[in-house]
PDB file of N, CA and C in Angstrom:
ATOM      1  N   MET A   1      35.437  -3.718   1.189  1.00  0.00           N
ATOM      2  CA  MET A   1      34.341  -4.209   2.003  1.00  0.00           C
ATOM      3  C   MET A   1      33.045  -4.046   1.222  1.00  0.00           C
ATOM      4  N   ASP A   2      32.231  -5.085   1.211  1.00  0.00           N
ATOM      5  CA  ASP A   2      30.946  -5.039   0.532  1.00  0.00           C
ATOM      6  C   ASP A   2      29.990  -4.116   1.273  1.00  0.00           C
ATOM      7  N   GLU A   3      29.228  -3.357   0.499  1.00  0.00           N
ATOM      8  CA  GLU A   3      28.209  -2.502   1.109  1.00  0.00           C
ATOM      9  C   GLU A   3      26.914  -3.289   1.239  1.00  0.00           C
ATOM     10  N   VAL A   4      26.179  -2.968   2.262  1.00  0.00           N
ATOM     11  CA  VAL A   4      24.908  -3.632   2.521  1.00  0.00           C
ATOM     12  C   VAL A   4      23.809  -2.579   2.576  1.00  0.00           C
ATOM     13  N   THR A   5      22.585  -3.036   2.526  1.00  0.00           N
ATOM     14  CA  THR A   5      21.432  -2.157   2.641  1.00  0.00           C
ATOM     15  C   THR A   5      21.330  -1.653   4.074  1.00  0.00           C
ATOM     16  N   LEU A   6      20.963  -0.399   4.227  1.00  0.00           N
ATOM     17  CA  LEU A   6      20.777   0.162   5.561  1.00  0.00           C
ATOM     18  C   LEU A   6      19.461  -0.310   6.177  1.00  0.00           C
ATOM     19  N   PHE A   7      19.414  -0.364   7.488  1.00  0.00           N
ATOM     20  CA  PHE A   7      18.208  -0.705   8.254  1.00  0.00           C
ATOM     21  C   PHE A   7      17.579  -2.009   7.746  1.00  0.00           C
ATOM     22  N   ARG A   8      18.396  -3.039   7.712  1.00  0.00           N
ATOM     23  CA  ARG A   8      17.992  -4.300   7.093  1.00  0.00           C
ATOM     24  C   ARG A   8      16.829  -4.997   7.788  1.00  0.00           C
ATOM     25  N   ILE A   9      16.702  -4.859   9.094  1.00  0.00           N
ATOM     26  CA  ILE A   9      15.617  -5.585   9.772  1.00  0.00           C
ATOM     27  C   ILE A   9      14.486  -4.653  10.211  1.00  0.00           C
ATOM     28  N   GLU A  10      14.423  -3.460   9.637  1.00  0.00           N
ATOM     29  CA  GLU A  10      13.436  -2.476  10.084  1.00  0.00           C
ATOM     30  C   GLU A  10      12.008  -3.016  10.048  1.00  0.00           C
ATOM     31  N   GLU A  11      11.632  -3.635   8.974  1.00  0.00           N
ATOM     32  CA  GLU A  11      10.252  -4.137   8.847  1.00  0.00           C
ATOM     33  C   GLU A  11       9.945  -5.173   9.932  1.00  0.00           C
ATOM     34  N   LYS A  12      10.861  -6.115  10.151  1.00  0.00           N
ATOM     35  CA  LYS A  12      10.666  -7.138  11.194  1.00  0.00           C
ATOM     36  C   LYS A  12      10.627  -6.491  12.573  1.00  0.00           C
ATOM     37  N   PHE A  13      11.494  -5.517  12.790  1.00  0.00           N
ATOM     38  CA  PHE A  13      11.548  -4.827  14.075  1.00  0.00           C
ATOM     39  C   PHE A  13      10.228  -4.122  14.371  1.00  0.00           C
ATOM     40  N   LEU A  14       9.708  -3.374  13.405  1.00  0.00           N
ATOM     41  CA  LEU A  14       8.450  -2.658  13.609  1.00  0.00           C
ATOM     42  C   LEU A  14       7.288  -3.630  13.819  1.00  0.00           C
ATOM     43  N   LYS A  15       7.286  -4.732  13.089  1.00  0.00           N
ATOM     44  CA  LYS A  15       6.239  -5.735  13.276  1.00  0.00           C
ATOM     45  C   LYS A  15       6.327  -6.341  14.676  1.00  0.00           C
ATOM     46  N   SER A  16       7.535  -6.597  15.138  1.00  0.00           N
ATOM     47  CA  SER A  16       7.729  -7.136  16.480  1.00  0.00           C
ATOM     48  C   SER A  16       7.213  -6.168  17.548  1.00  0.00           C
ATOM     49  N   LEU A  17       7.493  -4.867  17.367  1.00  0.00           N
ATOM     50  CA  LEU A  17       6.970  -3.875  18.310  1.00  0.00           C
ATOM     51  C   LEU A  17       5.448  -3.884  18.321  1.00  0.00           C
ATOM     52  N   TYR A  18       4.853  -3.946  17.130  1.00  0.00           N
ATOM     53  CA  TYR A  18       3.388  -3.965  17.048  1.00  0.00           C
ATOM     54  C   TYR A  18       2.829  -5.228  17.715  1.00  0.00           C
ATOM     55  N   ASP A  19       3.473  -6.364  17.437  1.00  0.00           N
ATOM     56  CA  ASP A  19       2.990  -7.633  17.992  1.00  0.00           C
ATOM     57  C   ASP A  19       3.088  -7.675  19.516  1.00  0.00           C
ATOM     58  N   THR A  20       4.138  -7.084  20.078  1.00  0.00           N
ATOM     59  CA  THR A  20       4.327  -7.159  21.529  1.00  0.00           C
ATOM     60  C   THR A  20       3.648  -6.020  22.282  1.00  0.00           C
ATOM     61  N   LYS A  21       3.557  -4.843  21.682  1.00  0.00           N
ATOM     62  CA  LYS A  21       3.008  -3.685  22.392  1.00  0.00           C
ATOM     63  C   LYS A  21       1.630  -3.265  21.895  1.00  0.00           C
ATOM     64  N   GLY A  22       1.237  -3.770  20.722  1.00  0.00           N
ATOM     65  CA  GLY A  22      -0.076  -3.423  20.184  1.00  0.00           C
ATOM     66  C   GLY A  22      -0.160  -1.987  19.677  1.00  0.00           C
ATOM     67  N   VAL A  23       0.986  -1.378  19.393  1.00  0.00           N
ATOM     68  CA  VAL A  23       1.037   0.014  18.939  1.00  0.00           C
ATOM     69  C   VAL A  23       1.867   0.077  17.672  1.00  0.00           C
ATOM     70  N   THR A  24       1.421   0.851  16.705  1.00  0.00           N
ATOM     71  CA  THR A  24       2.227   1.120  15.527  1.00  0.00           C
ATOM     72  C   THR A  24       3.173   2.267  15.873  1.00  0.00           C
ATOM     73  N   TYR A  25       4.451   1.987  15.872  1.00  0.00           N
ATOM     74  CA  TYR A  25       5.454   2.999  16.219  1.00  0.00           C
ATOM     75  C   TYR A  25       5.704   3.934  15.049  1.00  0.00           C
ATOM     76  N   SER A  26       5.944   5.181  15.363  1.00  0.00           N
ATOM     77  CA  SER A  26       6.343   6.177  14.366  1.00  0.00           C
ATOM     78  C   SER A  26       7.856   6.160  14.263  1.00  0.00           C
ATOM     79  N   LYS A  27       8.379   6.728  13.175  1.00  0.00           N
ATOM     80  CA  LYS A  27       9.826   6.761  13.037  1.00  0.00           C
ATOM     81  C   LYS A  27      10.300   8.133  12.595  1.00  0.00           C
ATOM     82  N   ASN A  28      11.496   8.444  13.027  1.00  0.00           N
ATOM     83  CA  ASN A  28      12.132   9.710  12.708  1.00  0.00           C
ATOM     84  C   ASN A  28      13.532   9.406  12.193  1.00  0.00           C
ATOM     85  N   LYS A  29      13.806   9.783  10.956  1.00  0.00           N
ATOM     86  CA  LYS A  29      15.155   9.626  10.411  1.00  0.00           C
ATOM     87  C   LYS A  29      15.945  10.877  10.760  1.00  0.00           C
ATOM     88  N   VAL A  30      17.039  10.706  11.468  1.00  0.00           N
ATOM     89  CA  VAL A  30      17.879  11.826  11.860  1.00  0.00           C
ATOM     90  C   VAL A  30      18.700  12.243  10.641  1.00  0.00           C
ATOM     91  N   MET A  31      18.498  13.482  10.215  1.00  0.00           N
ATOM     92  CA  MET A  31      19.119  13.958   8.975  1.00  0.00           C
ATOM     93  C   MET A  31      20.359  14.816   9.213  1.00  0.00           C
ATOM     94  N   THR A  32      20.858  14.814  10.419  1.00  0.00           N
ATOM     95  CA  THR A  32      22.082  15.525  10.735  1.00  0.00           C
ATOM     96  C   THR A  32      23.098  14.516  11.243  1.00  0.00           C
ATOM     97  N   THR A  33      24.357  14.844  11.134  1.00  0.00           N
ATOM     98  CA  THR A  33      25.396  13.933  11.606  1.00  0.00           C
ATOM     99  C   THR A  33      25.525  14.042  13.118  1.00  0.00           C
ATOM    100  N   ILE A  34      25.350  12.907  13.769  1.00  0.00           N
ATOM    101  CA  ILE A  34      25.544  12.817  15.208  1.00  0.00           C
ATOM    102  C   ILE A  34      26.662  11.801  15.425  1.00  0.00           C
ATOM    103  N   ASN A  35      27.623  12.152  16.207  1.00  0.00           N
ATOM    104  CA  ASN A  35      28.717  11.224  16.507  1.00  0.00           C
ATOM    105  C   ASN A  35      28.279  10.230  17.565  1.00  0.00           C
ATOM    106  N   LEU A  36      27.303   9.439  17.199  1.00  0.00           N
ATOM    107  CA  LEU A  36      26.707   8.474  18.111  1.00  0.00           C
ATOM    108  C   LEU A  36      27.182   7.081  17.723  1.00  0.00           C
ATOM    109  N   THR A  37      27.616   6.316  18.698  1.00  0.00           N
ATOM    110  CA  THR A  37      28.086   4.956  18.456  1.00  0.00           C
ATOM    111  C   THR A  37      27.418   3.999  19.438  1.00  0.00           C
ATOM    112  N   PRO A  38      27.420   2.722  19.119  1.00  0.00           N
ATOM    113  CA  PRO A  38      26.888   1.753  20.074  1.00  0.00           C
ATOM    114  C   PRO A  38      27.629   1.805  21.416  1.00  0.00           C
ATOM    115  N   GLU A  39      28.910   2.044  21.370  1.00  0.00           N
ATOM    116  CA  GLU A  39      29.692   2.104  22.606  1.00  0.00           C
ATOM    117  C   GLU A  39      29.214   3.240  23.516  1.00  0.00           C
ATOM    118  N   ILE A  40      28.911   4.390  22.935  1.00  0.00           N
ATOM    119  CA  ILE A  40      28.405   5.526  23.723  1.00  0.00           C
ATOM    120  C   ILE A  40      27.070   5.167  24.363  1.00  0.00           C
ATOM    121  N   LEU A  41      26.182   4.556  23.591  1.00  0.00           N
ATOM    122  CA  LEU A  41      24.872   4.196  24.132  1.00  0.00           C
ATOM    123  C   LEU A  41      24.984   3.137  25.220  1.00  0.00           C
ATOM    124  N   LEU A  42      25.891   2.198  25.069  1.00  0.00           N
ATOM    125  CA  LEU A  42      26.095   1.188  26.111  1.00  0.00           C
ATOM    126  C   LEU A  42      26.626   1.840  27.395  1.00  0.00           C
ATOM    127  N   GLU A  43      27.532   2.794  27.247  1.00  0.00           N
ATOM    128  CA  GLU A  43      28.062   3.517  28.416  1.00  0.00           C
ATOM    129  C   GLU A  43      26.963   4.297  29.139  1.00  0.00           C
ATOM    130  N   LYS A  44      25.961   4.767  28.384  1.00  0.00           N
ATOM    131  CA  LYS A  44      24.875   5.562  28.954  1.00  0.00           C
ATOM    132  C   LYS A  44      23.710   4.696  29.418  1.00  0.00           C
ATOM    133  N   ASP A  45      23.938   3.393  29.524  1.00  0.00           N
ATOM    134  CA  ASP A  45      22.948   2.428  30.035  1.00  0.00           C
ATOM    135  C   ASP A  45      21.724   2.251  29.148  1.00  0.00           C
ATOM    136  N   TYR A  46      21.877   2.463  27.842  1.00  0.00           N
ATOM    137  CA  TYR A  46      20.812   2.088  26.918  1.00  0.00           C
ATOM    138  C   TYR A  46      20.823   0.568  26.810  1.00  0.00           C
ATOM    139  N   ILE A  47      19.670  -0.009  26.598  1.00  0.00           N
ATOM    140  CA  ILE A  47      19.543  -1.463  26.528  1.00  0.00           C
ATOM    141  C   ILE A  47      19.690  -1.913  25.079  1.00  0.00           C
ATOM    142  N   LEU A  48      20.625  -2.806  24.848  1.00  0.00           N
ATOM    143  CA  LEU A  48      20.843  -3.345  23.508  1.00  0.00           C
ATOM    144  C   LEU A  48      19.747  -4.352  23.199  1.00  0.00           C
ATOM    145  N   GLU A  49      18.999  -4.097  22.127  1.00  0.00           N
ATOM    146  CA  GLU A  49      17.897  -4.972  21.712  1.00  0.00           C
ATOM    147  C   GLU A  49      18.299  -5.890  20.552  1.00  0.00           C
ATOM    148  N   TYR A  50      19.254  -5.437  19.747  1.00  0.00           N
ATOM    149  CA  TYR A  50      19.673  -6.193  18.565  1.00  0.00           C
ATOM    150  C   TYR A  50      21.020  -5.661  18.107  1.00  0.00           C
ATOM    151  N   CYS A  51      21.864  -6.556  17.582  1.00  0.00           N
ATOM    152  CA  CYS A  51      23.088  -6.086  16.948  1.00  0.00           C
ATOM    153  C   CYS A  51      23.523  -7.056  15.854  1.00  0.00           C
ATOM    154  N   ASP A  52      24.170  -6.498  14.867  1.00  0.00           N
ATOM    155  CA  ASP A  52      24.812  -7.245  13.788  1.00  0.00           C
ATOM    156  C   ASP A  52      26.259  -6.777  13.819  1.00  0.00           C
ATOM    157  N   ILE A  53      27.162  -7.675  14.234  1.00  0.00           N
ATOM    158  CA  ILE A  53      28.547  -7.274  14.452  1.00  0.00           C
ATOM    159  C   ILE A  53      29.513  -8.113  13.630  1.00  0.00           C
ATOM    160  N   ALA A  54      30.691  -7.571  13.471  1.00  0.00           N
ATOM    161  CA  ALA A  54      31.808  -8.300  12.877  1.00  0.00           C
ATOM    162  C   ALA A  54      32.943  -8.219  13.894  1.00  0.00           C
ATOM    163  N   THR A  55      33.630  -9.333  14.089  1.00  0.00           N
ATOM    164  CA  THR A  55      34.727  -9.365  15.044  1.00  0.00           C
ATOM    165  C   THR A  55      36.043  -9.424  14.294  1.00  0.00           C
ATOM    166  N   TYR A  56      36.904  -8.512  14.656  1.00  0.00           N
ATOM    167  CA  TYR A  56      38.240  -8.435  14.081  1.00  0.00           C
ATOM    168  C   TYR A  56      39.250  -8.591  15.210  1.00  0.00           C
ATOM    169  N   GLN A  57      40.501  -8.714  14.849  1.00  0.00           N
ATOM    170  CA  GLN A  57      41.548  -8.816  15.861  1.00  0.00           C
ATOM    171  C   GLN A  57      41.541  -7.598  16.780  1.00  0.00           C
ATOM    172  N   GLU A  58      41.200  -6.430  16.224  1.00  0.00           N
ATOM    173  CA  GLU A  58      41.183  -5.187  16.997  1.00  0.00           C
ATOM    174  C   GLU A  58      39.944  -5.063  17.884  1.00  0.00           C
ATOM    175  N   GLY A  59      38.935  -5.861  17.639  1.00  0.00           N
ATOM    176  CA  GLY A  59      37.723  -5.795  18.443  1.00  0.00           C
ATOM    177  C   GLY A  59      36.469  -5.968  17.606  1.00  0.00           C
ATOM    178  N   ILE A  60      35.372  -5.517  18.168  1.00  0.00           N
ATOM    179  CA  ILE A  60      34.054  -5.661  17.541  1.00  0.00           C
ATOM    180  C   ILE A  60      33.724  -4.411  16.747  1.00  0.00           C
ATOM    181  N   SER A  61      33.110  -4.629  15.591  1.00  0.00           N
ATOM    182  CA  SER A  61      32.606  -3.517  14.790  1.00  0.00           C
ATOM    183  C   SER A  61      31.121  -3.764  14.539  1.00  0.00           C
ATOM    184  N   TYR A  62      30.305  -2.782  14.878  1.00  0.00           N
ATOM    185  CA  TYR A  62      28.858  -2.903  14.699  1.00  0.00           C
ATOM    186  C   TYR A  62      28.462  -2.419  13.316  1.00  0.00           C
ATOM    187  N   LEU A  63      27.730  -3.250  12.580  1.00  0.00           N
ATOM    188  CA  LEU A  63      27.098  -2.802  11.342  1.00  0.00           C
ATOM    189  C   LEU A  63      25.739  -2.196  11.661  1.00  0.00           C
ATOM    190  N   GLU A  64      25.023  -2.847  12.559  1.00  0.00           N
ATOM    191  CA  GLU A  64      23.707  -2.368  12.970  1.00  0.00           C
ATOM    192  C   GLU A  64      23.509  -2.657  14.451  1.00  0.00           C
ATOM    193  N   ALA A  65      22.760  -1.782  15.083  1.00  0.00           N
ATOM    194  CA  ALA A  65      22.403  -2.010  16.484  1.00  0.00           C
ATOM    195  C   ALA A  65      21.120  -1.248  16.784  1.00  0.00           C
ATOM    196  N   ILE A  66      20.286  -1.853  17.608  1.00  0.00           N
ATOM    197  CA  ILE A  66      19.059  -1.202  18.071  1.00  0.00           C
ATOM    198  C   ILE A  66      19.127  -1.139  19.584  1.00  0.00           C
ATOM    199  N   PHE A  67      18.883   0.069  20.105  1.00  0.00           N
ATOM    200  CA  PHE A  67      18.910   0.303  21.544  1.00  0.00           C
ATOM    201  C   PHE A  67      17.575   0.867  21.999  1.00  0.00           C
ATOM    202  N   ARG A  68      17.264   0.638  23.275  1.00  0.00           N
ATOM    203  CA  ARG A  68      16.061   1.193  23.892  1.00  0.00           C
ATOM    204  C   ARG A  68      16.487   1.962  25.130  1.00  0.00           C
ATOM    205  N   ASN A  69      15.854   3.111  25.324  1.00  0.00           N
ATOM    206  CA  ASN A  69      16.132   3.850  26.557  1.00  0.00           C
ATOM    207  C   ASN A  69      14.993   3.632  27.542  1.00  0.00           C
ATOM    208  N   LYS A  70      15.093   4.267  28.711  1.00  0.00           N
ATOM    209  CA  LYS A  70      14.097   4.071  29.771  1.00  0.00           C
ATOM    210  C   LYS A  70      12.720   4.607  29.389  1.00  0.00           C
ATOM    211  N   SER A  71      12.661   5.532  28.430  1.00  0.00           N
ATOM    212  CA  SER A  71      11.379   6.099  27.979  1.00  0.00           C
ATOM    213  C   SER A  71      10.777   5.316  26.821  1.00  0.00           C
ATOM    214  N   ASN A  72      11.388   4.187  26.487  1.00  0.00           N
ATOM    215  CA  ASN A  72      10.938   3.331  25.383  1.00  0.00           C
ATOM    216  C   ASN A  72      11.044   3.978  24.015  1.00  0.00           C
ATOM    217  N   PHE A  73      12.024   4.837  23.854  1.00  0.00           N
ATOM    218  CA  PHE A  73      12.427   5.274  22.519  1.00  0.00           C
ATOM    219  C   PHE A  73      13.455   4.260  22.038  1.00  0.00           C
ATOM    220  N   TYR A  74      13.361   3.903  20.776  1.00  0.00           N
ATOM    221  CA  TYR A  74      14.312   2.968  20.184  1.00  0.00           C
ATOM    222  C   TYR A  74      15.198   3.726  19.210  1.00  0.00           C
ATOM    223  N   ILE A  75      16.490   3.461  19.267  1.00  0.00           N
ATOM    224  CA  ILE A  75      17.454   4.084  18.359  1.00  0.00           C
ATOM    225  C   ILE A  75      18.053   2.976  17.508  1.00  0.00           C
ATOM    226  N   TYR A  76      17.934   3.130  16.210  1.00  0.00           N
ATOM    227  CA  TYR A  76      18.465   2.143  15.267  1.00  0.00           C
ATOM    228  C   TYR A  76      19.649   2.783  14.564  1.00  0.00           C
ATOM    229  N   LEU A  77      20.843   2.230  14.804  1.00  0.00           N
ATOM    230  CA  LEU A  77      22.068   2.684  14.144  1.00  0.00           C
ATOM    231  C   LEU A  77      22.401   1.696  13.040  1.00  0.00           C
ATOM    232  N   SER A  78      22.706   2.204  11.852  1.00  0.00           N
ATOM    233  CA  SER A  78      22.989   1.335  10.728  1.00  0.00           C
ATOM    234  C   SER A  78      24.054   1.982   9.843  1.00  0.00           C
ATOM    235  N   LYS A  79      24.986   1.166   9.355  1.00  0.00           N
ATOM    236  CA  LYS A  79      25.953   1.681   8.383  1.00  0.00           C
ATOM    237  C   LYS A  79      26.188   0.644   7.302  1.00  0.00           C
ATOM    238  N   ARG A  80      26.624   1.139   6.165  1.00  0.00           N
ATOM    239  CA  ARG A  80      26.750   0.282   4.976  1.00  0.00           C
ATOM    240  C   ARG A  80      27.896  -0.720   5.075  1.00  0.00           C
ATOM    241  N   ASN A  81      28.967  -0.349   5.737  1.00  0.00           N
ATOM    242  CA  ASN A  81      30.087  -1.268   5.909  1.00  0.00           C
ATOM    243  C   ASN A  81      30.876  -0.886   7.152  1.00  0.00           C
ATOM    244  N   THR A  82      31.744  -1.762   7.591  1.00  0.00           N
ATOM    245  CA  THR A  82      32.467  -1.527   8.831  1.00  0.00           C
ATOM    246  C   THR A  82      33.471  -0.382   8.716  1.00  0.00           C
ATOM    247  N   ASP A  83      33.799   0.033   7.496  1.00  0.00           N
ATOM    248  CA  ASP A  83      34.733   1.147   7.306  1.00  0.00           C
ATOM    249  C   ASP A  83      34.047   2.509   7.407  1.00  0.00           C
ATOM    250  N   SER A  84      32.730   2.539   7.352  1.00  0.00           N
ATOM    251  CA  SER A  84      32.003   3.808   7.464  1.00  0.00           C
ATOM    252  C   SER A  84      32.256   4.427   8.828  1.00  0.00           C
ATOM    253  N   ILE A  85      32.368   5.748   8.849  1.00  0.00           N
ATOM    254  CA  ILE A  85      32.650   6.447  10.102  1.00  0.00           C
ATOM    255  C   ILE A  85      31.376   6.698  10.890  1.00  0.00           C
ATOM    256  N   HIS A  86      30.341   7.196  10.231  1.00  0.00           N
ATOM    257  CA  HIS A  86      29.105   7.573  10.911  1.00  0.00           C
ATOM    258  C   HIS A  86      27.989   6.585  10.611  1.00  0.00           C
ATOM    259  N   TYR A  87      27.060   6.518  11.544  1.00  0.00           N
ATOM    260  CA  TYR A  87      25.871   5.684  11.393  1.00  0.00           C
ATOM    261  C   TYR A  87      24.712   6.521  10.863  1.00  0.00           C
ATOM    262  N   ASP A  88      23.871   5.895  10.061  1.00  0.00           N
ATOM    263  CA  ASP A  88      22.568   6.457   9.771  1.00  0.00           C
ATOM    264  C   ASP A  88      21.712   6.109  10.986  1.00  0.00           C
ATOM    265  N   ILE A  89      20.832   7.039  11.370  1.00  0.00           N
ATOM    266  CA  ILE A  89      20.096   6.858  12.619  1.00  0.00           C
ATOM    267  C   ILE A  89      18.599   7.060  12.395  1.00  0.00           C
ATOM    268  N   LYS A  90      17.833   6.141  12.948  1.00  0.00           N
ATOM    269  CA  LYS A  90      16.383   6.291  13.006  1.00  0.00           C
ATOM    270  C   LYS A  90      15.952   6.104  14.454  1.00  0.00           C
ATOM    271  N   ILE A  91      14.946   6.864  14.832  1.00  0.00           N
ATOM    272  CA  ILE A  91      14.387   6.767  16.177  1.00  0.00           C
ATOM    273  C   ILE A  91      12.931   6.358  16.046  1.00  0.00           C
ATOM    274  N   TYR A  92      12.519   5.384  16.844  1.00  0.00           N
ATOM    275  CA  TYR A  92      11.153   4.881  16.819  1.00  0.00           C
ATOM    276  C   TYR A  92      10.487   5.252  18.139  1.00  0.00           C
ATOM    277  N   PHE A  93       9.250   5.694  18.053  1.00  0.00           N
ATOM    278  CA  PHE A  93       8.553   6.193  19.236  1.00  0.00           C
ATOM    279  C   PHE A  93       7.057   6.019  19.054  1.00  0.00           C
ATOM    280  N   GLU A  94       6.355   5.982  20.176  1.00  0.00           N
ATOM    281  CA  GLU A  94       4.896   5.923  20.095  1.00  0.00           C
ATOM    282  C   GLU A  94       4.389   7.301  19.678  1.00  0.00           C
ATOM    283  N   PRO A  95       3.380   7.356  18.815  1.00  0.00           N
ATOM    284  CA  PRO A  95       2.876   8.651  18.343  1.00  0.00           C
ATOM    285  C   PRO A  95       2.514   9.616  19.478  1.00  0.00           C
ATOM    286  N   LYS A  96       2.060   9.103  20.596  1.00  0.00           N
ATOM    287  CA  LYS A  96       1.685   9.966  21.724  1.00  0.00           C
ATOM    288  C   LYS A  96       2.903  10.693  22.310  1.00  0.00           C
ATOM    289  N   ASP A  97       4.109  10.241  21.986  1.00  0.00           N
ATOM    290  CA  ASP A  97       5.334  10.825  22.529  1.00  0.00           C
ATOM    291  C   ASP A  97       6.032  11.781  21.566  1.00  0.00           C
ATOM    292  N   LEU A  98       5.308  12.251  20.567  1.00  0.00           N
ATOM    293  CA  LEU A  98       5.913  13.130  19.562  1.00  0.00           C
ATOM    294  C   LEU A  98       6.561  14.367  20.176  1.00  0.00           C
ATOM    295  N   SER A  99       5.891  15.005  21.137  1.00  0.00           N
ATOM    296  CA  SER A  99       6.459  16.218  21.729  1.00  0.00           C
ATOM    297  C   SER A  99       7.746  15.919  22.500  1.00  0.00           C
ATOM    298  N   GLU A 100       7.840  14.750  23.099  1.00  0.00           N
ATOM    299  CA  GLU A 100       9.054  14.361  23.818  1.00  0.00           C
ATOM    300  C   GLU A 100      10.208  14.057  22.873  1.00  0.00           C
ATOM    301  N   LEU A 101       9.886  13.684  21.639  1.00  0.00           N
ATOM    302  CA  LEU A 101      10.920  13.333  20.672  1.00  0.00           C
ATOM    303  C   LEU A 101      11.893  14.489  20.448  1.00  0.00           C
ATOM    304  N   LYS A 102      11.391  15.706  20.378  1.00  0.00           N
ATOM    305  CA  LYS A 102      12.256  16.869  20.151  1.00  0.00           C
ATOM    306  C   LYS A 102      13.321  16.979  21.233  1.00  0.00           C
ATOM    307  N   PHE A 103      12.934  16.803  22.476  1.00  0.00           N
ATOM    308  CA  PHE A 103      13.886  16.875  23.591  1.00  0.00           C
ATOM    309  C   PHE A 103      14.858  15.700  23.547  1.00  0.00           C
ATOM    310  N   PHE A 104      14.339  14.550  23.181  1.00  0.00           N
ATOM    311  CA  PHE A 104      15.174  13.362  23.100  1.00  0.00           C
ATOM    312  C   PHE A 104      16.280  13.548  22.064  1.00  0.00           C
ATOM    313  N   VAL A 105      15.931  14.036  20.889  1.00  0.00           N
ATOM    314  CA  VAL A 105      16.926  14.257  19.834  1.00  0.00           C
ATOM    315  C   VAL A 105      17.923  15.324  20.270  1.00  0.00           C
ATOM    316  N   LYS A 106      17.441  16.373  20.887  1.00  0.00           N
ATOM    317  CA  LYS A 106      18.330  17.431  21.372  1.00  0.00           C
ATOM    318  C   LYS A 106      19.348  16.852  22.355  1.00  0.00           C
ATOM    319  N   ASN A 107      18.910  15.975  23.225  1.00  0.00           N
ATOM    320  CA  ASN A 107      19.822  15.341  24.176  1.00  0.00           C
ATOM    321  C   ASN A 107      20.792  14.373  23.508  1.00  0.00           C
ATOM    322  N   LEU A 108      20.342  13.702  22.449  1.00  0.00           N
ATOM    323  CA  LEU A 108      21.246  12.831  21.707  1.00  0.00           C
ATOM    324  C   LEU A 108      22.410  13.618  21.113  1.00  0.00           C
ATOM    325  N   LEU A 109      22.116  14.813  20.634  1.00  0.00           N
ATOM    326  CA  LEU A 109      23.149  15.663  20.048  1.00  0.00           C
ATOM    327  C   LEU A 109      24.239  16.000  21.072  1.00  0.00           C
ATOM    328  N   LYS A 110      23.897  15.969  22.344  1.00  0.00           N
ATOM    329  CA  LYS A 110      24.849  16.316  23.405  1.00  0.00           C
ATOM    330  C   LYS A 110      25.664  15.127  23.894  1.00  0.00           C
ATOM    331  N   LEU A 111      25.255  13.891  23.568  1.00  0.00           N
ATOM    332  CA  LEU A 111      25.950  12.721  24.070  1.00  0.00           C
ATOM    333  C   LEU A 111      27.381  12.655  23.532  1.00  0.00           C
ATOM    334  N   LYS A 112      28.285  12.327  24.418  1.00  0.00           N
ATOM    335  CA  LYS A 112      29.698  12.137  24.025  1.00  0.00           C
ATOM    336  C   LYS A 112      30.307  11.032  24.829  1.00  0.00           C
TER     337      LYS A 112
END
């Protein structure tokens, strides 16, 4: 499987947030392994904002997906190829919500 660049639409995504909300979003790269998948976020009622998928006989495999929660935190999951087990994760948030980010990440670690 060919490897791709991670977070391929990040620049467009951040520009879109700025254009629609008038705020420059901050970002946090999660540097620990979290067993977080698009399926888990969909089960937890996160809103899918974007996805790049591949369809196989066994089902759908996400290369990238961006989700939004009710607090307007965005989670960007990205992996180099469909065979990768874990996603690289970035979280986007308004700078005024920095203190809430710590709790948000702590709760992400608990998701199963």
